[in-house]
C-alpha atoms as a PDB file:
ATOM      1  CA  UNK A   1      14.548   3.611  12.091  1.00  0.00           C
ATOM      2  CA  UNK A   2      13.286   6.924  13.480  1.00  0.00           C
ATOM      3  CA  UNK A   3      12.432   9.429  10.767  1.00  0.00           C
ATOM      4  CA  UNK A   4      11.424   8.162   7.329  1.00  0.00           C
ATOM      5  CA  UNK A   5      12.018   9.671   3.890  1.00  0.00           C
ATOM      6  CA  UNK A   6       9.494   7.684   1.864  1.00  0.00           C
ATOM      7  CA  UNK A   7      11.325   8.462  -1.394  1.00  0.00           C
ATOM      8  CA  UNK A   8      14.191   6.252  -0.178  1.00  0.00           C
ATOM      9  CA  UNK A   9      11.960   3.157  -0.122  1.00  0.00           C
ATOM     10  CA  UNK A  10      11.518   0.715  -2.981  1.00  0.00           C
ATOM     11  CA  UNK A  11       8.119   0.893  -4.692  1.00  0.00           C
ATOM     12  CA  UNK A  12       6.158  -2.321  -5.104  1.00  0.00           C
ATOM     13  CA  UNK A  13       3.035  -2.736  -7.264  1.00  0.00           C
ATOM     14  CA  UNK A  14       0.815  -5.418  -5.694  1.00  0.00           C
ATOM     15  CA  UNK A  15      -1.968  -4.849  -8.272  1.00  0.00           C
ATOM     16  CA  UNK A  16      -2.022  -2.760 -11.476  1.00  0.00           C
ATOM     17  CA  UNK A  17      -2.274   0.982 -10.806  1.00  0.00           C
ATOM     18  CA  UNK A  18      -1.362   0.678  -7.110  1.00  0.00           C
ATOM     19  CA  UNK A  19       2.147   1.557  -5.967  1.00  0.00           C
ATOM     20  CA  UNK A  20       3.227   1.357  -2.360  1.00  0.00           C
ATOM     21  CA  UNK A  21       6.251   1.853  -0.183  1.00  0.00           C
ATOM     22  CA  UNK A  22       6.232  -0.030   3.086  1.00  0.00           C
ATOM     23  CA  UNK A  23       8.626   0.959   5.864  1.00  0.00           C
ATOM     24  CA  UNK A  24       8.294  -1.296   8.884  1.00  0.00           C
ATOM     25  CA  UNK A  25       9.623  -1.989  12.323  1.00  0.00           C
ATOM     26  CA  UNK A  26       9.312  -5.007  14.592  1.00  0.00           C
ATOM     27  CA  UNK A  27       5.511  -4.954  15.070  1.00  0.00           C
ATOM     28  CA  UNK A  28       4.157  -2.277  12.742  1.00  0.00           C
ATOM     29  CA  UNK A  29       4.174  -1.586   8.997  1.00  0.00           C
ATOM     30  CA  UNK A  30       3.288   1.669   7.263  1.00  0.00           C
ATOM     31  CA  UNK A  31       2.078   1.668   3.667  1.00  0.00           C
ATOM     32  CA  UNK A  32       2.259   4.808   1.524  1.00  0.00           C
ATOM     33  CA  UNK A  33      -0.226   3.748  -1.178  1.00  0.00           C
ATOM     34  CA  UNK A  34      -0.667   5.661  -4.426  1.00  0.00           C
ATOM     35  CA  UNK A  35      -3.623   4.574  -6.572  1.00  0.00           C
ATOM     36  CA  UNK A  36      -4.291   5.652 -10.154  1.00  0.00           C
ATOM     37  CA  UNK A  37      -7.829   6.663 -11.099  1.00  0.00           C
ATOM     38  CA  UNK A  38      -9.960   3.509 -11.361  1.00  0.00           C
ATOM     39  CA  UNK A  39      -7.314   1.311  -9.716  1.00  0.00           C
ATOM     40  CA  UNK A  40      -8.752  -1.376  -7.469  1.00  0.00           C
ATOM     41  CA  UNK A  41      -7.480  -3.334  -4.536  1.00  0.00           C
ATOM     42  CA  UNK A  42      -9.833  -6.316  -4.945  1.00  0.00           C
ATOM     43  CA  UNK A  43     -11.910  -7.822  -2.148  1.00  0.00           C
ATOM     44  CA  UNK A  44      -9.554  -9.685   0.190  1.00  0.00           C
ATOM     45  CA  UNK A  45      -8.797 -10.360   3.843  1.00  0.00           C
ATOM     46  CA  UNK A  46      -5.685 -11.038   5.898  1.00  0.00           C
ATOM     47  CA  UNK A  47      -4.885 -11.884   9.530  1.00  0.00           C
ATOM     48  CA  UNK A  48      -3.399  -8.415  10.160  1.00  0.00           C
ATOM     49  CA  UNK A  49      -5.234  -5.536  11.779  1.00  0.00           C
ATOM     50  CA  UNK A  50      -5.308  -2.562   9.403  1.00  0.00           C
ATOM     51  CA  UNK A  51      -5.983   1.112   9.942  1.00  0.00           C
ATOM     52  CA  UNK A  52      -5.592   3.998   7.603  1.00  0.00           C
ATOM     53  CA  UNK A  53      -6.341   7.499   6.448  1.00  0.00           C
ATOM     54  CA  UNK A  54      -7.170   8.874   3.019  1.00  0.00           C
ATOM     55  CA  UNK A  55      -4.738  11.718   2.360  1.00  0.00           C
ATOM     56  CA  UNK A  56      -5.770  12.792  -1.144  1.00  0.00           C
ATOM     57  CA  UNK A  57      -8.499  11.900  -3.664  1.00  0.00           C
ATOM     58  CA  UNK A  58     -11.778  10.026  -3.362  1.00  0.00           C
ATOM     59  CA  UNK A  59     -11.830   6.366  -2.359  1.00  0.00           C
ATOM     60  CA  UNK A  60     -14.708   3.911  -2.508  1.00  0.00           C
ATOM     61  CA  UNK A  61     -13.944   1.668   0.455  1.00  0.00           C
ATOM     62  CA  UNK A  62     -15.793  -1.503   1.398  1.00  0.00           C
ATOM     63  CA  UNK A  63     -15.243  -3.014   4.844  1.00  0.00           C
ATOM     64  CA  UNK A  64     -17.307  -6.122   5.480  1.00  0.00           C
ATOM     65  CA  UNK A  65     -20.839  -5.373   4.243  1.00  0.00           C
ATOM     66  CA  UNK A  66     -20.507  -1.572   4.307  1.00  0.00           C
ATOM     67  CA  UNK A  67     -19.303   0.623   1.424  1.00  0.00           C
ATOM     68  CA  UNK A  68     -18.560   4.346   1.762  1.00  0.00           C
ATOM     69  CA  UNK A  69     -17.222   7.060  -0.497  1.00  0.00           C
ATOM     70  CA  UNK A  70     -14.321   8.486   1.518  1.00  0.00           C
ATOM     71  CA  UNK A  71     -12.857  11.985   1.221  1.00  0.00           C
ATOM     72  CA  UNK A  72      -9.466  13.256   2.454  1.00  0.00           C
ATOM     73  CA  UNK A  73      -9.189  13.000   6.224  1.00  0.00           C
ATOM     74  CA  UNK A  74     -11.442   9.907   6.424  1.00  0.00           C
ATOM     75  CA  UNK A  75      -9.952   7.245   8.687  1.00  0.00           C
ATOM     76  CA  UNK A  76     -10.785   3.561   8.976  1.00  0.00           C
ATOM     77  CA  UNK A  77     -10.050   0.455  11.041  1.00  0.00           C
ATOM     78  CA  UNK A  78     -10.284  -3.042   9.590  1.00  0.00           C
ATOM     79  CA  UNK A  79     -10.231  -5.952  12.038  1.00  0.00           C
ATOM     80  CA  UNK A  80      -8.229  -9.089  11.156  1.00  0.00           C
ATOM     81  CA  UNK A  81      -9.840 -11.446   8.619  1.00  0.00           C
ATOM     82  CA  UNK A  82     -12.560  -8.974   7.535  1.00  0.00           C
ATOM     83  CA  UNK A  83     -12.990  -8.730   3.760  1.00  0.00           C
ATOM     84  CA  UNK A  84     -12.331  -5.291   2.299  1.00  0.00           C
ATOM     85  CA  UNK A  85     -11.865  -3.570  -1.082  1.00  0.00           C
ATOM     86  CA  UNK A  86     -10.777  -0.125  -2.322  1.00  0.00           C
ATOM     87  CA  UNK A  87     -11.266   1.738  -5.617  1.00  0.00           C
ATOM     88  CA  UNK A  88      -9.854   5.165  -6.574  1.00  0.00           C
ATOM     89  CA  UNK A  89     -12.802   7.200  -7.883  1.00  0.00           C
ATOM     90  CA  UNK A  90     -12.624  10.321 -10.057  1.00  0.00           C
ATOM     91  CA  UNK A  91      -8.838  10.656  -9.944  1.00  0.00           C
ATOM     92  CA  UNK A  92      -5.753   9.328  -8.177  1.00  0.00           C
ATOM     93  CA  UNK A  93      -5.658   8.665  -4.423  1.00  0.00           C
ATOM     94  CA  UNK A  94      -3.037   8.665  -1.711  1.00  0.00           C
ATOM     95  CA  UNK A  95      -3.680   6.474   1.336  1.00  0.00           C
ATOM     96  CA  UNK A  96      -1.621   5.865   4.456  1.00  0.00           C
ATOM     97  CA  UNK A  97      -2.255   2.338   5.748  1.00  0.00           C
ATOM     98  CA  UNK A  98      -0.931   0.873   8.985  1.00  0.00           C
ATOM     99  CA  UNK A  99      -0.653  -2.880   9.593  1.00  0.00           C
ATOM    100  CA  UNK A 100      -0.012  -4.840  12.750  1.00  0.00           C
ATOM    101  CA  UNK A 101       1.687  -7.205  12.871  1.00  0.00           C
ATOM    102  CA  UNK A 102       3.970  -6.530   9.897  1.00  0.00           C
ATOM    103  CA  UNK A 103       2.628  -7.880   6.575  1.00  0.00           C
ATOM    104  CA  UNK A 104       5.237 -10.547   5.917  1.00  0.00           C
ATOM    105  CA  UNK A 105       4.072 -10.894   2.294  1.00  0.00           C
ATOM    106  CA  UNK A 106       4.882  -7.219   1.609  1.00  0.00           C
ATOM    107  CA  UNK A 107       8.100  -7.275   3.650  1.00  0.00           C
ATOM    108  CA  UNK A 108       9.408 -10.171   1.535  1.00  0.00           C
ATOM    109  CA  UNK A 109       8.875  -8.142  -1.662  1.00  0.00           C
ATOM    110  CA  UNK A 110      11.184  -5.360  -0.518  1.00  0.00           C
ATOM    111  CA  UNK A 111      14.876  -5.815  -1.245  1.00  0.00           C
ATOM    112  CA  UNK A 112      16.627  -3.994   1.605  1.00  0.00           C
ATOM    113  CA  UNK A 113      20.166  -5.243   1.032  1.00  0.00           C
ATOM    114  CA  UNK A 114      21.165  -5.339  -2.631  1.00  0.00           C
ATOM    115  CA  UNK A 115      20.825  -2.170  -4.726  1.00  0.00           C
ATOM    116  CA  UNK A 116      18.798  -2.610  -7.880  1.00  0.00           C
ATOM    117  CA  UNK A 117      20.751  -2.528 -11.130  1.00  0.00           C
ATOM    118  CA  UNK A 118      19.537  -2.122 -14.679  1.00  0.00           C
ATOM    119  CA  UNK A 119      19.925  -5.326 -16.688  1.00  0.00           C
ATOM    120  CA  UNK A 120      22.850  -5.205 -19.132  1.00  0.00           C
ATOM    121  CA  UNK A 121      21.984  -4.087 -22.659  1.00  0.00           C
ATOM    122  CA  UNK A 122      22.962  -6.147 -25.689  1.00  0.00           C
ATOM    123  CA  UNK A 123      25.752  -3.632 -26.393  1.00  0.00           C
ATOM    124  CA  UNK A 124      27.313  -3.659 -22.926  1.00  0.00           C
ATOM    125  CA  UNK A 125      30.470  -5.696 -22.268  1.00  0.00           C
ATOM    126  CA  UNK A 126      30.106  -8.824 -20.156  1.00  0.00           C
END
C-alpha cells in the first residue's frame, strides 16, 4: 500500500460521535479516529495489542484500573484483553490508533471493492 491518503478511505462509525478510517496491511491496522466532544468509546477489551497517540484535543483514557487526562502528544500501549475506555473532553479529539494483528471486525466493515452509491430516489427511473 505504501503511502496513504486517509481521505480516500471509507469512514465507519463504530459508536455515536466516533468516526474512523482504518487502512491496514497483512499484520497491522491504523485507525484515524475522530471523536466529537463528549463522545465515548465504552469500556471494552479485545485480543489485539493496541497503541496510539493523541493528535488533537483532550482525551480521558482508562487502561485497566488507571485513568488519565491525555493531551496532544500523549502515547499509550494497551496489551491484549485489557479493558479500556476513551472519552473526548472539552472538545473534539483526533487519535491515531495502531492494532496488531488487524482488527478483523473493523476490516469487515470496510467495503474495498464496490463503490458506494446513493439509493435511488422515488423520482428516479428504475
